[in-house]
Amino acid sequence: MDRIIIFTDFSTLLVPTILTQATLKAVTGIESIQIAGICVRNFKKYHHLIYRHSREFLKTRIKTFFDKTQHQKFSRPLPINLEKLARQHGFKILIPPDENINHSKFIRQLRTEFEPTVALSFYCLQKFSPDLLKTFKYSVNYHNGLLPTYRGLMATCWSVYHQDSATGYTFHRLNKKIDKGNTLLQGTVPIKTDSGIPDLEFKKAVQASKNILGLMEIIMKREPGQVQAGSGNYFSKNDSKKITIIDKPSNYSHDELINRLRAFGTLLMNIEGVWYDVTRLEELHTPPNSSEIYFQTSDVRIMRPSRFRFLPFFMYKILKRTG
């Protein structure tokens, strides 16, 4: 019998919630697979997750009120009550020391108390060490991008920035190198002109959840997967930081700035020596008045920011002053 440990991070509620629920449902009818435990580095009680869920819902409604382009086409699912599910399904909740899945005590506990055979990583935001990988016979990661093209972080944002016709996801084997293990299953979701990043992430997670049963069959057969073809690309946190910090807006074209904003949501822009968190830009077709914040692009177009962290400027100033 395969004994699975799911590694996840419920501080990012959406994707791991969908994938974990789908996995619990899928293994219910498979006698040769058992969920032995779910490892959560940053475990929080259910009431805390509900509070976070409510806060995110409120933030989304506020953003949508001031900026209709931020409307999400899906209803965010409620977070998992992990303690209740643990009682129902008979698995253990694992919380590693110091929130470190590679801690020697945690690895020892896995080997002696659980004897797991399979690891599933659903948005576990920590790399598996070689010692941890040796604990399992087969390890799989969900990555929110098509490999090898979009390795690393914020794969959905980068696919939108590069104006791809579709974005995708990959279930792949885990090894010592980040996002370089053999691919097992992949899928795509079309990028439309009105597609927002949260909508795309949701659609990918829902589609990937429908692959879970097929993934279980692959795991049971110990299929090796396909070696990734080509060198691919790796996008780091620093890459995302660089592309969203605009020190001199006049160095960029109108289309480039709009494209970056669409892909990454917020640009930190230096306009006349003042830094602003800009979430919407508009082109001015009449001369700006003296009170407006504006700049000229490299293709000689006058633009002004009209939303700052999705808020009108007067509300943004109040929030900045109050921290």
C-alpha atoms as a PDB file:
ATOM      1  CA  MET A   1       0.000   0.000   0.000  1.00  0.00           C
ATOM      2  CA  ASP A   2       1.147   3.514  -0.825  1.00  0.00           C
ATOM      3  CA  ARG A   3       1.182   5.924   2.092  1.00  0.00           C
ATOM      4  CA  ILE A   4       1.003   9.545   0.938  1.00  0.00           C
ATOM      5  CA  ILE A   5       2.158  12.671   2.730  1.00  0.00           C
ATOM      6  CA  ILE A   6       0.761  15.914   1.288  1.00  0.00           C
ATOM      7  CA  PHE A   7       3.011  18.943   1.765  1.00  0.00           C
ATOM      8  CA  THR A   8       1.209  22.250   1.459  1.00  0.00           C
ATOM      9  CA  ASP A   9       0.958  25.813   2.695  1.00  0.00           C
ATOM     10  CA  PHE A  10      -2.528  27.031   3.511  1.00  0.00           C
ATOM     11  CA  SER A  11      -1.447  30.658   3.795  1.00  0.00           C
ATOM     12  CA  THR A  12      -2.096  30.592   0.032  1.00  0.00           C
ATOM     13  CA  LEU A  13      -5.616  29.301   0.333  1.00  0.00           C
ATOM     14  CA  LEU A  14      -6.949  28.891  -3.175  1.00  0.00           C
ATOM     15  CA  VAL A  15      -4.850  26.332  -5.066  1.00  0.00           C
ATOM     16  CA  PRO A  16      -3.838  23.973  -2.223  1.00  0.00           C
ATOM     17  CA  THR A  17      -7.445  23.908  -0.997  1.00  0.00           C
ATOM     18  CA  ILE A  18      -8.724  22.755  -4.391  1.00  0.00           C
ATOM     19  CA  LEU A  19      -5.959  20.197  -4.950  1.00  0.00           C
ATOM     20  CA  THR A  20      -6.048  18.765  -1.425  1.00  0.00           C
ATOM     21  CA  GLN A  21      -9.823  18.306  -1.484  1.00  0.00           C
ATOM     22  CA  ALA A  22      -9.601  16.596  -4.874  1.00  0.00           C
ATOM     23  CA  THR A  23      -6.879  14.257  -3.608  1.00  0.00           C
ATOM     24  CA  LEU A  24      -8.846  13.244  -0.515  1.00  0.00           C
ATOM     25  CA  LYS A  25     -11.847  12.504  -2.713  1.00  0.00           C
ATOM     26  CA  ALA A  26      -9.806  10.550  -5.276  1.00  0.00           C
ATOM     27  CA  VAL A  27      -8.085   8.202  -2.821  1.00  0.00           C
ATOM     28  CA  THR A  28     -11.339   7.339  -1.039  1.00  0.00           C
ATOM     29  CA  GLY A  29     -12.133   4.709  -3.643  1.00  0.00           C
ATOM     30  CA  ILE A  30      -8.593   3.322  -4.005  1.00  0.00           C
ATOM     31  CA  GLU A  31      -7.747   0.576  -1.528  1.00  0.00           C
ATOM     32  CA  SER A  32      -4.042   0.580  -2.339  1.00  0.00           C
ATOM     33  CA  ILE A  33      -3.544   4.269  -1.426  1.00  0.00           C
ATOM     34  CA  GLN A  34      -3.829   5.955   1.949  1.00  0.00           C
ATOM     35  CA  ILE A  35      -3.296   9.571   3.006  1.00  0.00           C
ATOM     36  CA  ALA A  36      -1.005   9.106   6.012  1.00  0.00           C
ATOM     37  CA  GLY A  37      -0.568  12.790   6.800  1.00  0.00           C
ATOM     38  CA  ILE A  38      -0.798  16.370   5.625  1.00  0.00           C
ATOM     39  CA  CYS A  39       2.201  18.541   6.423  1.00  0.00           C
ATOM     40  CA  VAL A  40       1.468  22.241   6.879  1.00  0.00           C
ATOM     41  CA  ARG A  41       4.463  24.418   7.697  1.00  0.00           C
ATOM     42  CA  ASN A  42       2.375  27.352   8.881  1.00  0.00           C
ATOM     43  CA  PHE A  43      -0.584  25.535  10.431  1.00  0.00           C
ATOM     44  CA  LYS A  44      -3.428  27.799  11.556  1.00  0.00           C
ATOM     45  CA  LYS A  45      -6.673  26.960  13.324  1.00  0.00           C
ATOM     46  CA  TYR A  46      -9.807  26.949  11.185  1.00  0.00           C
ATOM     47  CA  HIS A  47     -11.205  30.150  12.697  1.00  0.00           C
ATOM     48  CA  HIS A  48      -7.991  31.945  11.670  1.00  0.00           C
ATOM     49  CA  LEU A  49      -8.362  30.682   8.095  1.00  0.00           C
ATOM     50  CA  ILE A  50     -11.997  31.799   8.016  1.00  0.00           C
ATOM     51  CA  TYR A  51     -10.905  35.240   9.215  1.00  0.00           C
ATOM     52  CA  ARG A  52      -8.268  35.388   6.467  1.00  0.00           C
ATOM     53  CA  HIS A  53     -10.820  34.192   3.921  1.00  0.00           C
ATOM     54  CA  SER A  54     -13.258  36.916   4.993  1.00  0.00           C
ATOM     55  CA  ARG A  55     -10.541  39.554   4.849  1.00  0.00           C
ATOM     56  CA  GLU A  56      -9.532  38.498   1.330  1.00  0.00           C
ATOM     57  CA  PHE A  57     -13.181  38.549   0.266  1.00  0.00           C
ATOM     58  CA  LEU A  58     -13.592  42.073   1.637  1.00  0.00           C
ATOM     59  CA  LYS A  59     -10.396  43.272  -0.034  1.00  0.00           C
ATOM     60  CA  THR A  60     -11.595  41.879  -3.346  1.00  0.00           C
ATOM     61  CA  ARG A  61     -14.963  43.625  -3.011  1.00  0.00           C
ATOM     62  CA  ILE A  62     -13.247  46.922  -2.215  1.00  0.00           C
ATOM     63  CA  LYS A  63     -10.926  46.569  -5.208  1.00  0.00           C
ATOM     64  CA  THR A  64     -13.859  45.733  -7.478  1.00  0.00           C
ATOM     65  CA  PHE A  65     -15.877  48.691  -6.186  1.00  0.00           C
ATOM     66  CA  PHE A  66     -13.179  51.156  -7.200  1.00  0.00           C
ATOM     67  CA  ASP A  67     -11.879  49.256 -10.232  1.00  0.00           C
ATOM     68  CA  LYS A  68     -14.309  47.078 -12.203  1.00  0.00           C
ATOM     69  CA  THR A  69     -11.440  45.440 -14.082  1.00  0.00           C
ATOM     70  CA  GLN A  70     -10.560  43.610 -10.846  1.00  0.00           C
ATOM     71  CA  HIS A  71     -13.814  41.631 -10.859  1.00  0.00           C
ATOM     72  CA  GLN A  72     -13.135  37.926 -10.317  1.00  0.00           C
ATOM     73  CA  LYS A  73     -15.192  35.403 -12.266  1.00  0.00           C
ATOM     74  CA  PHE A  74     -15.128  32.737  -9.547  1.00  0.00           C
ATOM     75  CA  SER A  75     -16.229  32.322  -5.954  1.00  0.00           C
ATOM     76  CA  ARG A  76     -13.282  31.704  -3.670  1.00  0.00           C
ATOM     77  CA  PRO A  77     -13.807  28.336  -1.936  1.00  0.00           C
ATOM     78  CA  LEU A  78     -13.939  28.172   1.832  1.00  0.00           C
ATOM     79  CA  PRO A  79     -10.691  27.047   3.473  1.00  0.00           C
ATOM     80  CA  ILE A  80     -10.215  23.475   4.614  1.00  0.00           C
ATOM     81  CA  ASN A  81     -11.044  22.543   8.190  1.00  0.00           C
ATOM     82  CA  LEU A  82      -8.007  20.319   8.380  1.00  0.00           C
ATOM     83  CA  GLU A  83      -8.639  19.044  11.899  1.00  0.00           C
ATOM     84  CA  LYS A  84     -12.157  17.913  10.956  1.00  0.00           C
ATOM     85  CA  LEU A  85     -10.919  16.234   7.770  1.00  0.00           C
ATOM     86  CA  ALA A  86      -8.138  14.495   9.713  1.00  0.00           C
ATOM     87  CA  ARG A  87     -10.750  12.902  11.976  1.00  0.00           C
ATOM     88  CA  GLN A  88     -12.914  11.896   9.013  1.00  0.00           C
ATOM     89  CA  HIS A  89     -10.139  10.440   6.869  1.00  0.00           C
ATOM     90  CA  GLY A  90      -7.836   9.168   9.596  1.00  0.00           C
ATOM     91  CA  PHE A  91      -4.681  11.050   8.686  1.00  0.00           C
ATOM     92  CA  LYS A  92      -2.317  13.040  10.906  1.00  0.00           C
ATOM     93  CA  ILE A  93      -1.574  16.761  10.731  1.00  0.00           C
ATOM     94  CA  LEU A  94       2.184  17.257  10.628  1.00  0.00           C
ATOM     95  CA  ILE A  95       3.822  20.515  11.710  1.00  0.00           C
ATOM     96  CA  PRO A  96       7.614  20.467  11.221  1.00  0.00           C
ATOM     97  CA  PRO A  97       9.899  22.125  13.802  1.00  0.00           C
ATOM     98  CA  ASP A  98      10.744  25.741  12.968  1.00  0.00           C
ATOM     99  CA  GLU A  99       8.425  25.457   9.927  1.00  0.00           C
ATOM    100  CA  ASN A 100      11.242  23.532   8.245  1.00  0.00           C
ATOM    101  CA  ILE A 101      10.266  20.384   6.336  1.00  0.00           C
ATOM    102  CA  ASN A 102      13.967  19.482   6.058  1.00  0.00           C
ATOM    103  CA  HIS A 103      14.514  19.470   9.830  1.00  0.00           C
ATOM    104  CA  SER A 104      16.302  16.281  10.862  1.00  0.00           C
ATOM    105  CA  LYS A 105      13.772  15.553  13.635  1.00  0.00           C
ATOM    106  CA  PHE A 106      10.885  15.864  11.204  1.00  0.00           C
ATOM    107  CA  ILE A 107      12.505  13.555   8.645  1.00  0.00           C
ATOM    108  CA  ARG A 108      13.200  11.039  11.404  1.00  0.00           C
ATOM    109  CA  GLN A 109       9.569  11.219  12.517  1.00  0.00           C
ATOM    110  CA  LEU A 110       8.365  10.575   8.966  1.00  0.00           C
ATOM    111  CA  ARG A 111      10.556   7.520   8.594  1.00  0.00           C
ATOM    112  CA  THR A 112       9.883   5.931  11.969  1.00  0.00           C
ATOM    113  CA  GLU A 113       6.222   6.776  12.590  1.00  0.00           C
ATOM    114  CA  PHE A 114       4.713   7.021   9.121  1.00  0.00           C
ATOM    115  CA  GLU A 115       6.901   5.039   6.704  1.00  0.00           C
ATOM    116  CA  PRO A 116       5.560   7.034   3.727  1.00  0.00           C
ATOM    117  CA  THR A 117       6.101   6.020   0.118  1.00  0.00           C
ATOM    118  CA  VAL A 118       4.784   9.048  -1.803  1.00  0.00           C
ATOM    119  CA  ALA A 119       5.071  12.822  -1.349  1.00  0.00           C
ATOM    120  CA  LEU A 120       2.690  15.280  -2.981  1.00  0.00           C
ATOM    121  CA  SER A 121       3.726  18.940  -2.927  1.00  0.00           C
ATOM    122  CA  PHE A 122       0.845  21.378  -3.395  1.00  0.00           C
ATOM    123  CA  TYR A 123       2.314  24.869  -3.065  1.00  0.00           C
ATOM    124  CA  CYS A 124       4.793  23.872  -0.397  1.00  0.00           C
ATOM    125  CA  LEU A 125       7.011  26.952  -0.474  1.00  0.00           C
ATOM    126  CA  GLN A 126      10.192  25.192   0.561  1.00  0.00           C
ATOM    127  CA  LYS A 127      12.593  23.081  -1.476  1.00  0.00           C
ATOM    128  CA  PHE A 128      12.879  19.394  -0.545  1.00  0.00           C
ATOM    129  CA  SER A 129      16.380  18.475   0.637  1.00  0.00           C
ATOM    130  CA  PRO A 130      18.077  15.329  -0.733  1.00  0.00           C
ATOM    131  CA  ASP A 131      17.598  13.702   2.673  1.00  0.00           C
ATOM    132  CA  LEU A 132      13.856  14.391   2.618  1.00  0.00           C
ATOM    133  CA  LEU A 133      13.525  13.130  -0.948  1.00  0.00           C
ATOM    134  CA  LYS A 134      15.182   9.841   0.060  1.00  0.00           C
ATOM    135  CA  THR A 135      12.322   9.287   2.504  1.00  0.00           C
ATOM    136  CA  PHE A 136       9.925   8.655  -0.398  1.00  0.00           C
ATOM    137  CA  LYS A 137       9.888   6.224  -3.298  1.00  0.00           C
ATOM    138  CA  TYR A 138       8.028   8.694  -5.492  1.00  0.00           C
ATOM    139  CA  SER A 139       7.584  12.469  -5.125  1.00  0.00           C
ATOM    140  CA  VAL A 140       5.353  14.785  -7.169  1.00  0.00           C
ATOM    141  CA  ASN A 141       4.975  18.564  -7.311  1.00  0.00           C
ATOM    142  CA  TYR A 142       2.195  20.746  -8.734  1.00  0.00           C
ATOM    143  CA  HIS A 143       3.681  23.699 -10.616  1.00  0.00           C
ATOM    144  CA  ASN A 144       1.478  26.498 -11.931  1.00  0.00           C
ATOM    145  CA  GLY A 145       3.325  26.812 -15.221  1.00  0.00           C
ATOM    146  CA  LEU A 146       4.246  24.808 -18.289  1.00  0.00           C
ATOM    147  CA  LEU A 147       7.671  23.238 -17.888  1.00  0.00           C
ATOM    148  CA  PRO A 148      10.361  23.810 -18.899  1.00  0.00           C
ATOM    149  CA  THR A 149       9.291  27.230 -20.280  1.00  0.00           C
ATOM    150  CA  TYR A 150       8.164  28.700 -16.958  1.00  0.00           C
ATOM    151  CA  ARG A 151      10.223  27.391 -14.076  1.00  0.00           C
ATOM    152  CA  GLY A 152      10.379  29.299 -10.825  1.00  0.00           C
ATOM    153  CA  LEU A 153       7.987  31.844  -9.369  1.00  0.00           C
ATOM    154  CA  MET A 154       4.911  33.674 -10.713  1.00  0.00           C
ATOM    155  CA  ALA A 155       4.643  31.488 -13.797  1.00  0.00           C
ATOM    156  CA  THR A 156       1.127  32.717 -14.594  1.00  0.00           C
ATOM    157  CA  CYS A 157       2.205  36.359 -14.484  1.00  0.00           C
ATOM    158  CA  TRP A 158       5.132  35.704 -16.789  1.00  0.00           C
ATOM    159  CA  SER A 159       2.990  33.839 -19.330  1.00  0.00           C
ATOM    160  CA  VAL A 160       0.580  36.796 -19.411  1.00  0.00           C
ATOM    161  CA  TYR A 161       3.482  39.245 -19.720  1.00  0.00           C
ATOM    162  CA  HIS A 162       4.879  37.318 -22.689  1.00  0.00           C
ATOM    163  CA  GLN A 163       1.410  37.520 -24.267  1.00  0.00           C
ATOM    164  CA  ASP A 164       1.029  33.766 -24.621  1.00  0.00           C
ATOM    165  CA  SER A 165      -2.282  32.481 -25.947  1.00  0.00           C
ATOM    166  CA  ALA A 166      -2.516  30.054 -23.009  1.00  0.00           C
ATOM    167  CA  THR A 167      -1.055  29.408 -19.583  1.00  0.00           C
ATOM    168  CA  GLY A 168      -0.654  26.015 -18.011  1.00  0.00           C
ATOM    169  CA  TYR A 169       0.292  23.742 -15.146  1.00  0.00           C
ATOM    170  CA  THR A 170       2.487  20.702 -14.674  1.00  0.00           C
ATOM    171  CA  PHE A 171       2.576  17.747 -12.318  1.00  0.00           C
ATOM    172  CA  HIS A 172       6.211  16.668 -12.266  1.00  0.00           C
ATOM    173  CA  ARG A 173       8.628  14.471 -10.365  1.00  0.00           C
ATOM    174  CA  LEU A 174      10.625  16.149  -7.624  1.00  0.00           C
ATOM    175  CA  ASN A 175      14.414  15.974  -7.710  1.00  0.00           C
ATOM    176  CA  LYS A 176      17.375  17.981  -6.451  1.00  0.00           C
ATOM    177  CA  LYS A 177      16.895  20.755  -9.032  1.00  0.00           C
ATOM    178  CA  ILE A 178      13.946  23.170  -8.825  1.00  0.00           C
ATOM    179  CA  ASP A 179      11.200  22.423 -11.376  1.00  0.00           C
ATOM    180  CA  LYS A 180      13.456  20.143 -13.440  1.00  0.00           C
ATOM    181  CA  GLY A 181      11.968  16.737 -12.650  1.00  0.00           C
ATOM    182  CA  ASN A 182      10.317  14.590 -15.312  1.00  0.00           C
ATOM    183  CA  THR A 183       6.841  15.775 -16.288  1.00  0.00           C
ATOM    184  CA  LEU A 184       3.848  13.526 -15.567  1.00  0.00           C
ATOM    185  CA  LEU A 185       0.766  15.538 -16.554  1.00  0.00           C
ATOM    186  CA  GLN A 186       0.290  18.954 -18.116  1.00  0.00           C
ATOM    187  CA  GLY A 187      -2.704  21.071 -19.043  1.00  0.00           C
ATOM    188  CA  THR A 188      -3.471  24.513 -20.444  1.00  0.00           C
ATOM    189  CA  VAL A 189      -6.018  27.270 -19.948  1.00  0.00           C
ATOM    190  CA  PRO A 190      -6.567  29.965 -22.611  1.00  0.00           C
ATOM    191  CA  ILE A 191      -5.553  33.540 -21.799  1.00  0.00           C
ATOM    192  CA  LYS A 192      -8.285  35.906 -22.949  1.00  0.00           C
ATOM    193  CA  THR A 193      -8.096  39.687 -23.168  1.00  0.00           C
ATOM    194  CA  ASP A 194     -10.077  40.042 -19.933  1.00  0.00           C
ATOM    195  CA  SER A 195      -8.315  37.220 -18.056  1.00  0.00           C
ATOM    196  CA  GLY A 196      -7.110  38.214 -14.603  1.00  0.00           C
ATOM    197  CA  ILE A 197      -4.305  36.412 -12.784  1.00  0.00           C
ATOM    198  CA  PRO A 198      -6.565  35.089  -9.950  1.00  0.00           C
ATOM    199  CA  ASP A 199      -9.063  33.778 -12.524  1.00  0.00           C
ATOM    200  CA  LEU A 200      -6.323  31.959 -14.423  1.00  0.00           C
ATOM    201  CA  GLU A 201      -4.894  30.431 -11.244  1.00  0.00           C
ATOM    202  CA  PHE A 202      -8.359  29.246 -10.243  1.00  0.00           C
ATOM    203  CA  LYS A 203      -9.097  27.725 -13.658  1.00  0.00           C
ATOM    204  CA  LYS A 204      -5.763  25.921 -13.699  1.00  0.00           C
ATOM    205  CA  ALA A 205      -6.289  24.531 -10.202  1.00  0.00           C
ATOM    206  CA  VAL A 206      -9.796  23.296 -11.053  1.00  0.00           C
ATOM    207  CA  GLN A 207      -8.581  21.661 -14.254  1.00  0.00           C
ATOM    208  CA  ALA A 208      -5.589  20.131 -12.465  1.00  0.00           C
ATOM    209  CA  SER A 209      -7.881  18.762  -9.751  1.00  0.00           C
ATOM    210  CA  LYS A 210      -9.672  16.744 -12.446  1.00  0.00           C
ATOM    211  CA  ASN A 211      -6.317  15.094 -13.240  1.00  0.00           C
ATOM    212  CA  ILE A 212      -5.784  13.833  -9.685  1.00  0.00           C
ATOM    213  CA  LEU A 213      -7.310  10.405 -10.312  1.00  0.00           C
ATOM    214  CA  GLY A 214      -5.090   9.982 -13.368  1.00  0.00           C
ATOM    215  CA  LEU A 215      -2.142  11.134 -11.294  1.00  0.00           C
ATOM    216  CA  MET A 216      -2.894   8.419  -8.727  1.00  0.00           C
ATOM    217  CA  GLU A 217      -2.745   5.797 -11.499  1.00  0.00           C
ATOM    218  CA  ILE A 218       0.614   7.177 -12.645  1.00  0.00           C
ATOM    219  CA  ILE A 219       1.906   7.029  -9.066  1.00  0.00           C
ATOM    220  CA  MET A 220       0.758   3.460  -8.524  1.00  0.00           C
ATOM    221  CA  LYS A 221       2.459   2.393 -11.767  1.00  0.00           C
ATOM    222  CA  ARG A 222       5.606   4.352 -10.809  1.00  0.00           C
ATOM    223  CA  GLU A 223       5.761   5.839 -14.271  1.00  0.00           C
ATOM    224  CA  PRO A 224       9.077   7.659 -14.784  1.00  0.00           C
ATOM    225  CA  GLY A 225       7.570  10.586 -16.706  1.00  0.00           C
ATOM    226  CA  GLN A 226       9.021  12.534 -19.591  1.00  0.00           C
ATOM    227  CA  VAL A 227      12.396  14.245 -19.457  1.00  0.00           C
ATOM    228  CA  GLN A 228      11.964  17.977 -19.951  1.00  0.00           C
ATOM    229  CA  ALA A 229      13.091  19.008 -23.417  1.00  0.00           C
ATOM    230  CA  GLY A 230      15.200  22.138 -23.810  1.00  0.00           C
ATOM    231  CA  SER A 231      16.916  24.410 -21.324  1.00  0.00           C
ATOM    232  CA  GLY A 232      13.770  26.352 -20.429  1.00  0.00           C
ATOM    233  CA  ASN A 233      13.616  29.510 -18.331  1.00  0.00           C
ATOM    234  CA  TYR A 234      13.770  30.166 -14.597  1.00  0.00           C
ATOM    235  CA  PHE A 235      12.082  33.218 -13.100  1.00  0.00           C
ATOM    236  CA  SER A 236      13.175  34.272  -9.631  1.00  0.00           C
ATOM    237  CA  LYS A 237      11.670  36.608  -7.066  1.00  0.00           C
ATOM    238  CA  ASN A 238      14.299  39.145  -8.086  1.00  0.00           C
ATOM    239  CA  ASP A 239      13.184  38.940 -11.742  1.00  0.00           C
ATOM    240  CA  SER A 240       9.631  39.829 -10.745  1.00  0.00           C
ATOM    241  CA  LYS A 241      10.881  42.638  -8.541  1.00  0.00           C
ATOM    242  CA  LYS A 242      12.959  44.132 -11.346  1.00  0.00           C
ATOM    243  CA  ILE A 243      10.133  44.181 -13.860  1.00  0.00           C
ATOM    244  CA  THR A 244       7.649  45.806 -11.477  1.00  0.00           C
ATOM    245  CA  ILE A 245       9.905  48.643 -10.267  1.00  0.00           C
ATOM    246  CA  ILE A 246       9.763  51.562 -12.706  1.00  0.00           C
ATOM    247  CA  ASP A 247      12.391  54.137 -11.807  1.00  0.00           C
ATOM    248  CA  LYS A 248      11.999  56.193 -14.996  1.00  0.00           C
ATOM    249  CA  PRO A 249       8.571  55.755 -16.643  1.00  0.00           C
ATOM    250  CA  SER A 250       9.694  57.878 -19.601  1.00  0.00           C
ATOM    251  CA  ASN A 251      12.026  55.037 -20.616  1.00  0.00           C
ATOM    252  CA  TYR A 252       9.081  52.746 -21.384  1.00  0.00           C
ATOM    253  CA  SER A 253       6.374  52.721 -24.024  1.00  0.00           C
ATOM    254  CA  HIS A 254       2.673  52.937 -23.279  1.00  0.00           C
ATOM    255  CA  ASP A 255       2.091  49.314 -24.334  1.00  0.00           C
ATOM    256  CA  GLU A 256       4.989  47.990 -22.260  1.00  0.00           C
ATOM    257  CA  LEU A 257       3.717  49.623 -19.069  1.00  0.00           C
ATOM    258  CA  ILE A 258       0.141  48.452 -19.656  1.00  0.00           C
ATOM    259  CA  ASN A 259       1.379  44.929 -20.340  1.00  0.00           C
ATOM    260  CA  ARG A 260       3.461  44.838 -17.155  1.00  0.00           C
ATOM    261  CA  LEU A 261       0.530  46.145 -15.152  1.00  0.00           C
ATOM    262  CA  ARG A 262      -1.829  43.549 -16.570  1.00  0.00           C
ATOM    263  CA  ALA A 263       0.607  40.730 -15.832  1.00  0.00           C
ATOM    264  CA  PHE A 264       1.839  41.697 -12.371  1.00  0.00           C
ATOM    265  CA  GLY A 265      -1.014  43.794 -10.989  1.00  0.00           C
ATOM    266  CA  THR A 266       1.039  46.541  -9.329  1.00  0.00           C
ATOM    267  CA  LEU A 267       3.930  48.705 -10.493  1.00  0.00           C
ATOM    268  CA  LEU A 268       6.079  50.672  -8.074  1.00  0.00           C
ATOM    269  CA  MET A 269       6.622  53.846 -10.069  1.00  0.00           C
ATOM    270  CA  ASN A 270       8.848  56.853  -9.490  1.00  0.00           C
ATOM    271  CA  ILE A 271       6.997  59.900 -10.836  1.00  0.00           C
ATOM    272  CA  GLU A 272       8.678  63.251 -10.303  1.00  0.00           C
ATOM    273  CA  GLY A 273      10.756  61.855  -7.439  1.00  0.00           C
ATOM    274  CA  VAL A 274       7.840  60.268  -5.561  1.00  0.00           C
ATOM    275  CA  TRP A 275       7.205  56.513  -5.453  1.00  0.00           C
ATOM    276  CA  TYR A 276       3.637  55.283  -5.981  1.00  0.00           C
ATOM    277  CA  ASP A 277       2.018  51.814  -5.883  1.00  0.00           C
ATOM    278  CA  VAL A 278       0.177  52.070  -9.205  1.00  0.00           C
ATOM    279  CA  THR A 279      -2.527  49.563 -10.151  1.00  0.00           C
ATOM    280  CA  ARG A 280      -4.150  51.381 -13.092  1.00  0.00           C
ATOM    281  CA  LEU A 281      -2.838  53.732 -15.769  1.00  0.00           C
ATOM    282  CA  GLU A 282      -4.828  55.912 -18.151  1.00  0.00           C
ATOM    283  CA  GLU A 283      -3.791  57.856 -21.214  1.00  0.00           C
ATOM    284  CA  LEU A 284      -4.572  61.585 -21.220  1.00  0.00           C
ATOM    285  CA  HIS A 285      -5.855  62.988 -24.524  1.00  0.00           C
ATOM    286  CA  THR A 286      -6.076  66.559 -23.242  1.00  0.00           C
ATOM    287  CA  PRO A 287      -3.342  68.591 -21.509  1.00  0.00           C
ATOM    288  CA  PRO A 288      -3.062  67.611 -17.828  1.00  0.00           C
ATOM    289  CA  ASN A 289      -3.845  70.135 -15.147  1.00  0.00           C
ATOM    290  CA  SER A 290      -1.268  71.176 -12.590  1.00  0.00           C
ATOM    291  CA  SER A 291      -2.726  69.007  -9.821  1.00  0.00           C
ATOM    292  CA  GLU A 292      -2.524  65.741 -11.768  1.00  0.00           C
ATOM    293  CA  ILE A 293       0.210  63.154 -11.405  1.00  0.00           C
ATOM    294  CA  TYR A 294       1.364  62.310 -14.905  1.00  0.00           C
ATOM    295  CA  PHE A 295       4.351  61.439 -17.084  1.00  0.00           C
ATOM    296  CA  GLN A 296       5.287  61.026 -20.732  1.00  0.00           C
ATOM    297  CA  THR A 297       6.175  57.636 -22.176  1.00  0.00           C
ATOM    298  CA  SER A 298       8.990  56.871 -24.597  1.00  0.00           C
ATOM    299  CA  ASP A 299       6.474  56.872 -27.468  1.00  0.00           C
ATOM    300  CA  VAL A 300       5.342  60.382 -26.462  1.00  0.00           C
ATOM    301  CA  ARG A 301       2.042  59.587 -24.811  1.00  0.00           C
ATOM    302  CA  ILE A 302       0.843  61.309 -21.646  1.00  0.00           C
ATOM    303  CA  MET A 303      -0.253  58.911 -18.923  1.00  0.00           C
ATOM    304  CA  ARG A 304      -1.513  59.288 -15.402  1.00  0.00           C
ATOM    305  CA  PRO A 305      -2.037  56.739 -12.648  1.00  0.00           C
ATOM    306  CA  SER A 306      -5.705  56.587 -11.671  1.00  0.00           C
ATOM    307  CA  ARG A 307      -5.626  53.835  -9.032  1.00  0.00           C
ATOM    308  CA  PHE A 308      -3.085  53.255  -6.293  1.00  0.00           C
ATOM    309  CA  ARG A 309      -3.341  49.838  -4.644  1.00  0.00           C
ATOM    310  CA  PHE A 310      -6.717  49.758  -6.413  1.00  0.00           C
ATOM    311  CA  LEU A 311      -7.874  52.882  -4.550  1.00  0.00           C
ATOM    312  CA  PRO A 312      -8.458  56.516  -5.531  1.00  0.00           C
ATOM    313  CA  PHE A 313      -5.521  58.745  -4.707  1.00  0.00           C
ATOM    314  CA  PHE A 314      -7.088  60.435  -1.663  1.00  0.00           C
ATOM    315  CA  MET A 315      -7.748  57.056   0.014  1.00  0.00           C
ATOM    316  CA  TYR A 316      -4.298  55.802  -0.937  1.00  0.00           C
ATOM    317  CA  LYS A 317      -2.717  58.866   0.731  1.00  0.00           C
ATOM    318  CA  ILE A 318      -4.645  58.190   3.932  1.00  0.00           C
ATOM    319  CA  LEU A 319      -3.509  54.578   4.011  1.00  0.00           C
ATOM    320  CA  LYS A 320       0.098  55.580   3.337  1.00  0.00           C
ATOM    321  CA  ARG A 321       0.065  58.032   6.202  1.00  0.00           C
ATOM    322  CA  THR A 322      -1.457  55.524   8.630  1.00  0.00           C
ATOM    323  CA  GLY A 323       0.914  52.771   7.561  1.00  0.00           C
END
